């Protein structure tokens, strides 16, 4: 009776084939869900919808495409200089005639429009400017409610400019 050595039957070539097959199966099984998900979820986003004055939410919030056409008796808090373009909820670019508004679910509103939820856009924070100090490490200026280390602990009087 011939005896077969169990170690001898697994030659290095056999091990390589097994590893190669394992890696191919691993790549295929990892890539398939990614491919399926990219097909299913990779759809183009629909174009943004324009906000209409006749929209139920627009009617409820008194939205007008032109701020000069707002009824002053119905909305006494309205001022002529209040526009969507200077509202904190308007996320459009400065100078564009239209842009998305967060209160209307990012529907497109006119920059000259108005609604009852208008809120003044905050002023940008003033930063301490120290020559040679990296921009990303700047701190708000002394008048901006936070402590300015450069003003209170200057390296030298000439190095700080407010």
C-alpha atoms as a PDB file:
ATOM      1  CA  UNK A   1       0.000   0.000   0.000  1.00  0.00           C
ATOM      2  CA  UNK A   2       1.407   3.364  -0.977  1.00  0.00           C
ATOM      3  CA  UNK A   3       1.172   6.040   1.441  1.00  0.00           C
ATOM      4  CA  UNK A   4       0.499   9.631   0.248  1.00  0.00           C
ATOM      5  CA  UNK A   5       2.151  12.372   2.163  1.00  0.00           C
ATOM      6  CA  UNK A   6      -0.510  15.056   2.883  1.00  0.00           C
ATOM      7  CA  UNK A   7       2.051  17.850   2.733  1.00  0.00           C
ATOM      8  CA  UNK A   8       3.442  16.732  -0.606  1.00  0.00           C
ATOM      9  CA  UNK A   9       0.127  17.032  -2.429  1.00  0.00           C
ATOM     10  CA  UNK A  10       0.006  20.823  -1.743  1.00  0.00           C
ATOM     11  CA  UNK A  11       2.747  22.027  -3.987  1.00  0.00           C
ATOM     12  CA  UNK A  12       3.615  25.741  -4.214  1.00  0.00           C
ATOM     13  CA  UNK A  13       1.896  25.860  -7.624  1.00  0.00           C
ATOM     14  CA  UNK A  14      -1.318  24.523  -6.131  1.00  0.00           C
ATOM     15  CA  UNK A  15      -1.155  27.115  -3.343  1.00  0.00           C
ATOM     16  CA  UNK A  16      -0.675  29.923  -5.899  1.00  0.00           C
ATOM     17  CA  UNK A  17      -3.733  28.798  -7.820  1.00  0.00           C
ATOM     18  CA  UNK A  18      -5.748  28.772  -4.647  1.00  0.00           C
ATOM     19  CA  UNK A  19      -4.581  32.249  -3.649  1.00  0.00           C
ATOM     20  CA  UNK A  20      -5.165  33.570  -7.150  1.00  0.00           C
ATOM     21  CA  UNK A  21      -8.670  32.145  -7.219  1.00  0.00           C
ATOM     22  CA  UNK A  22      -9.376  33.534  -3.765  1.00  0.00           C
ATOM     23  CA  UNK A  23      -8.208  37.014  -4.738  1.00  0.00           C
ATOM     24  CA  UNK A  24     -10.211  36.973  -7.980  1.00  0.00           C
ATOM     25  CA  UNK A  25     -13.328  35.937  -6.093  1.00  0.00           C
ATOM     26  CA  UNK A  26     -12.670  38.605  -3.464  1.00  0.00           C
ATOM     27  CA  UNK A  27     -12.308  41.363  -6.068  1.00  0.00           C
ATOM     28  CA  UNK A  28     -15.417  40.201  -7.927  1.00  0.00           C
ATOM     29  CA  UNK A  29     -17.527  39.990  -4.782  1.00  0.00           C
ATOM     30  CA  UNK A  30     -16.338  43.398  -3.534  1.00  0.00           C
ATOM     31  CA  UNK A  31     -16.758  45.094  -6.908  1.00  0.00           C
ATOM     32  CA  UNK A  32     -20.239  43.804  -7.725  1.00  0.00           C
ATOM     33  CA  UNK A  33     -22.115  45.662  -4.946  1.00  0.00           C
ATOM     34  CA  UNK A  34     -20.183  48.822  -5.755  1.00  0.00           C
ATOM     35  CA  UNK A  35     -21.138  48.581  -9.411  1.00  0.00           C
ATOM     36  CA  UNK A  36     -24.782  47.878  -8.608  1.00  0.00           C
ATOM     37  CA  UNK A  37     -24.959  50.741  -6.092  1.00  0.00           C
ATOM     38  CA  UNK A  38     -23.347  53.190  -8.495  1.00  0.00           C
ATOM     39  CA  UNK A  39     -25.909  52.291 -11.157  1.00  0.00           C
ATOM     40  CA  UNK A  40     -28.845  52.567  -8.771  1.00  0.00           C
ATOM     41  CA  UNK A  41     -27.744  55.647  -6.809  1.00  0.00           C
ATOM     42  CA  UNK A  42     -25.696  57.423  -9.459  1.00  0.00           C
ATOM     43  CA  UNK A  43     -28.680  59.098 -11.066  1.00  0.00           C
ATOM     44  CA  UNK A  44     -28.433  62.726 -12.053  1.00  0.00           C
ATOM     45  CA  UNK A  45     -30.015  65.148  -9.626  1.00  0.00           C
ATOM     46  CA  UNK A  46     -33.131  66.820 -10.981  1.00  0.00           C
ATOM     47  CA  UNK A  47     -32.824  70.474 -11.978  1.00  0.00           C
ATOM     48  CA  UNK A  48     -33.731  72.957  -9.230  1.00  0.00           C
ATOM     49  CA  UNK A  49     -37.352  74.082  -9.086  1.00  0.00           C
ATOM     50  CA  UNK A  50     -38.289  77.761  -9.293  1.00  0.00           C
ATOM     51  CA  UNK A  51     -40.304  79.069  -6.342  1.00  0.00           C
ATOM     52  CA  UNK A  52     -43.643  80.474  -7.447  1.00  0.00           C
ATOM     53  CA  UNK A  53     -45.704  83.061  -5.551  1.00  0.00           C
ATOM     54  CA  UNK A  54     -48.693  80.711  -5.950  1.00  0.00           C
ATOM     55  CA  UNK A  55     -46.916  77.861  -4.123  1.00  0.00           C
ATOM     56  CA  UNK A  56     -48.767  77.023  -0.848  1.00  0.00           C
ATOM     57  CA  UNK A  57     -45.623  77.608   1.239  1.00  0.00           C
ATOM     58  CA  UNK A  58     -44.983  80.846  -0.661  1.00  0.00           C
ATOM     59  CA  UNK A  59     -48.492  82.051   0.089  1.00  0.00           C
ATOM     60  CA  UNK A  60     -48.149  81.114   3.782  1.00  0.00           C
ATOM     61  CA  UNK A  61     -44.855  83.032   4.083  1.00  0.00           C
ATOM     62  CA  UNK A  62     -45.901  85.976   1.913  1.00  0.00           C
ATOM     63  CA  UNK A  63     -43.260  85.329  -0.770  1.00  0.00           C
ATOM     64  CA  UNK A  64     -43.085  87.947  -3.522  1.00  0.00           C
ATOM     65  CA  UNK A  65     -40.668  87.867  -6.449  1.00  0.00           C
ATOM     66  CA  UNK A  66     -40.286  91.649  -6.198  1.00  0.00           C
ATOM     67  CA  UNK A  67     -39.791  93.248  -2.789  1.00  0.00           C
ATOM     68  CA  UNK A  68     -41.531  96.466  -3.927  1.00  0.00           C
ATOM     69  CA  UNK A  69     -44.810  94.550  -4.397  1.00  0.00           C
ATOM     70  CA  UNK A  70     -45.100  93.400  -0.762  1.00  0.00           C
ATOM     71  CA  UNK A  71     -48.352  94.465   0.974  1.00  0.00           C
ATOM     72  CA  UNK A  72     -47.244  96.859   3.743  1.00  0.00           C
ATOM     73  CA  UNK A  73     -50.507  96.528   5.665  1.00  0.00           C
ATOM     74  CA  UNK A  74     -50.294  92.737   5.783  1.00  0.00           C
ATOM     75  CA  UNK A  75     -46.525  92.707   6.543  1.00  0.00           C
ATOM     76  CA  UNK A  76     -45.680  95.826   8.587  1.00  0.00           C
ATOM     77  CA  UNK A  77     -42.200  94.462   9.434  1.00  0.00           C
ATOM     78  CA  UNK A  78     -41.186  94.697   5.736  1.00  0.00           C
ATOM     79  CA  UNK A  79     -38.673  97.375   4.749  1.00  0.00           C
ATOM     80  CA  UNK A  80     -37.784  98.248   1.135  1.00  0.00           C
ATOM     81  CA  UNK A  81     -34.101  97.356   1.581  1.00  0.00           C
ATOM     82  CA  UNK A  82     -34.950  93.780   2.664  1.00  0.00           C
ATOM     83  CA  UNK A  83     -34.341  91.399  -0.246  1.00  0.00           C
ATOM     84  CA  UNK A  84     -33.592  87.710  -0.626  1.00  0.00           C
ATOM     85  CA  UNK A  85     -30.046  88.608  -1.694  1.00  0.00           C
ATOM     86  CA  UNK A  86     -29.257  90.076   1.756  1.00  0.00           C
ATOM     87  CA  UNK A  87     -31.123  87.389   3.741  1.00  0.00           C
ATOM     88  CA  UNK A  88     -29.296  84.805   5.862  1.00  0.00           C
ATOM     89  CA  UNK A  89     -31.421  81.990   4.379  1.00  0.00           C
ATOM     90  CA  UNK A  90     -30.518  82.825   0.757  1.00  0.00           C
ATOM     91  CA  UNK A  91     -27.601  80.661  -0.396  1.00  0.00           C
ATOM     92  CA  UNK A  92     -27.177  82.038  -3.918  1.00  0.00           C
ATOM     93  CA  UNK A  93     -24.005  83.698  -5.125  1.00  0.00           C
ATOM     94  CA  UNK A  94     -23.671  87.443  -4.745  1.00  0.00           C
ATOM     95  CA  UNK A  95     -24.673  89.246  -7.937  1.00  0.00           C
ATOM     96  CA  UNK A  96     -26.741  86.391  -9.399  1.00  0.00           C
ATOM     97  CA  UNK A  97     -30.366  87.258 -10.276  1.00  0.00           C
ATOM     98  CA  UNK A  98     -31.632  84.024  -8.694  1.00  0.00           C
ATOM     99  CA  UNK A  99     -30.470  81.485  -6.126  1.00  0.00           C
ATOM    100  CA  UNK A 100     -31.626  78.744  -3.736  1.00  0.00           C
ATOM    101  CA  UNK A 101     -33.329  79.512  -0.424  1.00  0.00           C
ATOM    102  CA  UNK A 102     -33.156  77.081   2.499  1.00  0.00           C
ATOM    103  CA  UNK A 103     -36.580  78.007   3.879  1.00  0.00           C
ATOM    104  CA  UNK A 104     -38.218  76.848   0.635  1.00  0.00           C
ATOM    105  CA  UNK A 105     -36.282  73.576   0.413  1.00  0.00           C
ATOM    106  CA  UNK A 106     -33.574  75.074  -1.845  1.00  0.00           C
ATOM    107  CA  UNK A 107     -36.075  76.118  -4.485  1.00  0.00           C
ATOM    108  CA  UNK A 108     -34.832  78.939  -6.702  1.00  0.00           C
ATOM    109  CA  UNK A 109     -35.980  82.421  -5.626  1.00  0.00           C
ATOM    110  CA  UNK A 110     -35.280  85.827  -7.155  1.00  0.00           C
ATOM    111  CA  UNK A 111     -32.561  87.912  -5.517  1.00  0.00           C
ATOM    112  CA  UNK A 112     -34.970  90.862  -5.383  1.00  0.00           C
ATOM    113  CA  UNK A 113     -37.699  88.790  -3.701  1.00  0.00           C
ATOM    114  CA  UNK A 114     -38.931  88.843  -0.103  1.00  0.00           C
ATOM    115  CA  UNK A 115     -40.791  86.634   2.387  1.00  0.00           C
ATOM    116  CA  UNK A 116     -41.870  86.947   6.015  1.00  0.00           C
ATOM    117  CA  UNK A 117     -38.927  84.830   7.242  1.00  0.00           C
ATOM    118  CA  UNK A 118     -36.345  87.368   6.050  1.00  0.00           C
ATOM    119  CA  UNK A 119     -33.382  87.571   8.444  1.00  0.00           C
ATOM    120  CA  UNK A 120     -30.408  89.887   8.086  1.00  0.00           C
ATOM    121  CA  UNK A 121     -27.289  88.209   6.762  1.00  0.00           C
ATOM    122  CA  UNK A 122     -24.552  88.395   9.433  1.00  0.00           C
ATOM    123  CA  UNK A 123     -21.462  90.488   8.842  1.00  0.00           C
ATOM    124  CA  UNK A 124     -18.271  88.529   8.155  1.00  0.00           C
ATOM    125  CA  UNK A 125     -15.951  88.224  11.146  1.00  0.00           C
ATOM    126  CA  UNK A 126     -13.074  90.685  11.329  1.00  0.00           C
ATOM    127  CA  UNK A 127      -9.716  88.968  11.681  1.00  0.00           C
ATOM    128  CA  UNK A 128      -6.493  90.065  13.288  1.00  0.00           C
ATOM    129  CA  UNK A 129      -3.823  90.521  10.682  1.00  0.00           C
ATOM    130  CA  UNK A 130      -0.299  89.791  11.791  1.00  0.00           C
ATOM    131  CA  UNK A 131       2.455  89.965   9.175  1.00  0.00           C
ATOM    132  CA  UNK A 132       3.908  86.519   8.619  1.00  0.00           C
ATOM    133  CA  UNK A 133       1.061  84.782  10.481  1.00  0.00           C
ATOM    134  CA  UNK A 134      -0.661  82.049   8.407  1.00  0.00           C
ATOM    135  CA  UNK A 135      -4.183  82.977   7.242  1.00  0.00           C
ATOM    136  CA  UNK A 136      -5.747  79.716   8.423  1.00  0.00           C
ATOM    137  CA  UNK A 137      -4.557  80.387  11.989  1.00  0.00           C
ATOM    138  CA  UNK A 138      -5.952  83.906  12.283  1.00  0.00           C
ATOM    139  CA  UNK A 139      -8.241  84.653  15.182  1.00  0.00           C
ATOM    140  CA  UNK A 140     -11.218  87.035  15.295  1.00  0.00           C
ATOM    141  CA  UNK A 141     -10.403  90.668  16.014  1.00  0.00           C
ATOM    142  CA  UNK A 142     -10.819  92.136  19.532  1.00  0.00           C
ATOM    143  CA  UNK A 143     -14.282  93.565  18.792  1.00  0.00           C
ATOM    144  CA  UNK A 144     -15.605  90.207  17.578  1.00  0.00           C
ATOM    145  CA  UNK A 145     -16.484  88.664  20.986  1.00  0.00           C
ATOM    146  CA  UNK A 146     -13.414  86.458  21.059  1.00  0.00           C
ATOM    147  CA  UNK A 147     -10.037  86.995  22.555  1.00  0.00           C
ATOM    148  CA  UNK A 148      -7.285  88.165  20.187  1.00  0.00           C
ATOM    149  CA  UNK A 149      -4.020  86.668  21.393  1.00  0.00           C
ATOM    150  CA  UNK A 150      -1.966  88.860  19.076  1.00  0.00           C
ATOM    151  CA  UNK A 151      -3.319  92.060  20.613  1.00  0.00           C
ATOM    152  CA  UNK A 152      -3.084  90.975  24.247  1.00  0.00           C
ATOM    153  CA  UNK A 153       0.198  89.048  23.958  1.00  0.00           C
ATOM    154  CA  UNK A 154       2.086  90.709  21.089  1.00  0.00           C
ATOM    155  CA  UNK A 155       5.529  89.554  20.085  1.00  0.00           C
ATOM    156  CA  UNK A 156       6.458  93.154  19.525  1.00  0.00           C
ATOM    157  CA  UNK A 157       4.337  96.328  19.202  1.00  0.00           C
ATOM    158  CA  UNK A 158       5.153  96.660  15.519  1.00  0.00           C
ATOM    159  CA  UNK A 159       3.924  93.154  14.640  1.00  0.00           C
ATOM    160  CA  UNK A 160       0.205  93.717  15.319  1.00  0.00           C
ATOM    161  CA  UNK A 161      -2.219  95.535  13.074  1.00  0.00           C
ATOM    162  CA  UNK A 162      -5.960  95.544  13.735  1.00  0.00           C
END
